[in-house]
Amino acid sequence: MSEESRDNSRADMLFEIVKAKYGDRLTDEQLAEVRSGVEGAEDLAAELRKVRLTNAVEPFANFKPYRGTDNNE
């Protein structure tokens, strides 16, 4: 199974969960929008899964020293 078809099947499964839970409250147009959103989120997740990280990769730390309160004196 190719990665693209696996991503499509995962998006289909997620959409079916949403449809089963909320489908009776949504119009066909809204369901199409939900499907589009689920597919977009799955595409982004697939891109993130392509990035391989090791334990040596650390998160970026933004250092801001504390200089007390800003009194404008």
C-alpha atoms as a PDB file:
ATOM      1  CA  MET A   1       0.000   0.000   0.000  1.00  0.00           C
ATOM      2  CA  SER A   2       1.499   3.344  -1.024  1.00  0.00           C
ATOM      3  CA  GLU A   3       1.870   6.180   1.458  1.00  0.00           C
ATOM      4  CA  GLU A   4      -0.624   8.351  -0.436  1.00  0.00           C
ATOM      5  CA  SER A   5      -3.339   5.685  -0.429  1.00  0.00           C
ATOM      6  CA  ARG A   6      -2.658   5.040   3.269  1.00  0.00           C
ATOM      7  CA  ASP A   7      -3.117   8.774   3.966  1.00  0.00           C
ATOM      8  CA  ASN A   8      -6.324   8.801   1.914  1.00  0.00           C
ATOM      9  CA  SER A   9      -7.715   5.799   3.771  1.00  0.00           C
ATOM     10  CA  ARG A  10      -6.824   7.418   7.115  1.00  0.00           C
ATOM     11  CA  ALA A  11      -8.585  10.629   6.061  1.00  0.00           C
ATOM     12  CA  ASP A  12     -11.585   8.563   4.923  1.00  0.00           C
ATOM     13  CA  MET A  13     -11.738   6.779   8.280  1.00  0.00           C
ATOM     14  CA  LEU A  14     -11.534  10.044  10.208  1.00  0.00           C
ATOM     15  CA  PHE A  15     -14.240  11.595   8.036  1.00  0.00           C
ATOM     16  CA  GLU A  16     -16.502   8.589   8.542  1.00  0.00           C
ATOM     17  CA  ILE A  17     -16.145   8.987  12.319  1.00  0.00           C
ATOM     18  CA  VAL A  18     -17.202  12.639  12.093  1.00  0.00           C
ATOM     19  CA  LYS A  19     -20.016  11.764   9.683  1.00  0.00           C
ATOM     20  CA  ALA A  20     -21.341   9.010  11.961  1.00  0.00           C
ATOM     21  CA  LYS A  21     -21.288  11.274  14.998  1.00  0.00           C
ATOM     22  CA  TYR A  22     -22.492  14.564  13.489  1.00  0.00           C
ATOM     23  CA  GLY A  23     -23.785  13.722   9.996  1.00  0.00           C
ATOM     24  CA  ASP A  24     -27.442  14.040  10.944  1.00  0.00           C
ATOM     25  CA  ARG A  25     -26.837  17.678  11.957  1.00  0.00           C
ATOM     26  CA  LEU A  26     -24.833  18.727   8.895  1.00  0.00           C
ATOM     27  CA  THR A  27     -25.901  19.525   5.355  1.00  0.00           C
ATOM     28  CA  ASP A  28     -24.199  17.937   2.349  1.00  0.00           C
ATOM     29  CA  GLU A  29     -22.313  21.192   1.784  1.00  0.00           C
ATOM     30  CA  GLN A  30     -21.070  21.221   5.373  1.00  0.00           C
ATOM     31  CA  LEU A  31     -20.038  17.578   5.143  1.00  0.00           C
ATOM     32  CA  ALA A  32     -18.042  18.373   1.991  1.00  0.00           C
ATOM     33  CA  GLU A  33     -16.298  21.182   3.873  1.00  0.00           C
ATOM     34  CA  VAL A  34     -15.550  18.843   6.777  1.00  0.00           C
ATOM     35  CA  ARG A  35     -14.118  16.256   4.371  1.00  0.00           C
ATOM     36  CA  SER A  36     -11.901  18.926   2.839  1.00  0.00           C
ATOM     37  CA  GLY A  37     -10.688  19.976   6.283  1.00  0.00           C
ATOM     38  CA  VAL A  38      -9.950  16.404   7.336  1.00  0.00           C
ATOM     39  CA  GLU A  39      -8.023  15.752   4.129  1.00  0.00           C
ATOM     40  CA  GLY A  40      -6.041  18.966   4.617  1.00  0.00           C
ATOM     41  CA  ALA A  41      -5.178  18.068   8.197  1.00  0.00           C
ATOM     42  CA  GLU A  42      -4.130  14.583   7.132  1.00  0.00           C
ATOM     43  CA  ASP A  43      -1.925  16.033   4.372  1.00  0.00           C
ATOM     44  CA  LEU A  44      -0.187  18.257   6.922  1.00  0.00           C
ATOM     45  CA  ALA A  45       0.233  15.346   9.320  1.00  0.00           C
ATOM     46  CA  ALA A  46       1.785  13.258   6.537  1.00  0.00           C
ATOM     47  CA  GLU A  47       4.304  16.031   5.858  1.00  0.00           C
ATOM     48  CA  LEU A  48       5.198  16.199   9.555  1.00  0.00           C
ATOM     49  CA  ARG A  49       5.680  12.426   9.688  1.00  0.00           C
ATOM     50  CA  LYS A  50       8.290  12.740   6.914  1.00  0.00           C
ATOM     51  CA  VAL A  51      10.592  14.758   9.189  1.00  0.00           C
ATOM     52  CA  ARG A  52      12.827  12.383  11.086  1.00  0.00           C
ATOM     53  CA  LEU A  53      14.092  13.532  14.450  1.00  0.00           C
ATOM     54  CA  THR A  54      16.634  11.924  16.719  1.00  0.00           C
ATOM     55  CA  ASN A  55      16.957  12.256  20.470  1.00  0.00           C
ATOM     56  CA  ALA A  56      19.766  14.767  19.846  1.00  0.00           C
ATOM     57  CA  VAL A  57      17.374  17.275  18.264  1.00  0.00           C
ATOM     58  CA  GLU A  58      16.262  19.757  20.887  1.00  0.00           C
ATOM     59  CA  PRO A  59      13.405  22.232  20.743  1.00  0.00           C
ATOM     60  CA  PHE A  60      14.208  25.863  20.067  1.00  0.00           C
ATOM     61  CA  ALA A  61      14.392  27.852  23.281  1.00  0.00           C
ATOM     62  CA  ASN A  62      13.528  31.547  23.111  1.00  0.00           C
ATOM     63  CA  PHE A  63      15.442  33.231  25.959  1.00  0.00           C
ATOM     64  CA  LYS A  64      13.929  36.445  27.325  1.00  0.00           C
ATOM     65  CA  PRO A  65      15.630  37.764  30.457  1.00  0.00           C
ATOM     66  CA  TYR A  66      13.360  39.118  33.161  1.00  0.00           C
ATOM     67  CA  ARG A  67      14.140  42.807  33.796  1.00  0.00           C
ATOM     68  CA  GLY A  68      11.506  43.561  36.374  1.00  0.00           C
ATOM     69  CA  THR A  69       8.304  45.460  35.835  1.00  0.00           C
ATOM     70  CA  ASP A  70       7.985  48.170  33.210  1.00  0.00           C
ATOM     71  CA  ASN A  71       7.281  51.354  35.262  1.00  0.00           C
ATOM     72  CA  ASN A  72       8.239  53.989  32.646  1.00  0.00           C
ATOM     73  CA  GLU A  73      10.060  56.058  35.310  1.00  0.00           C
END
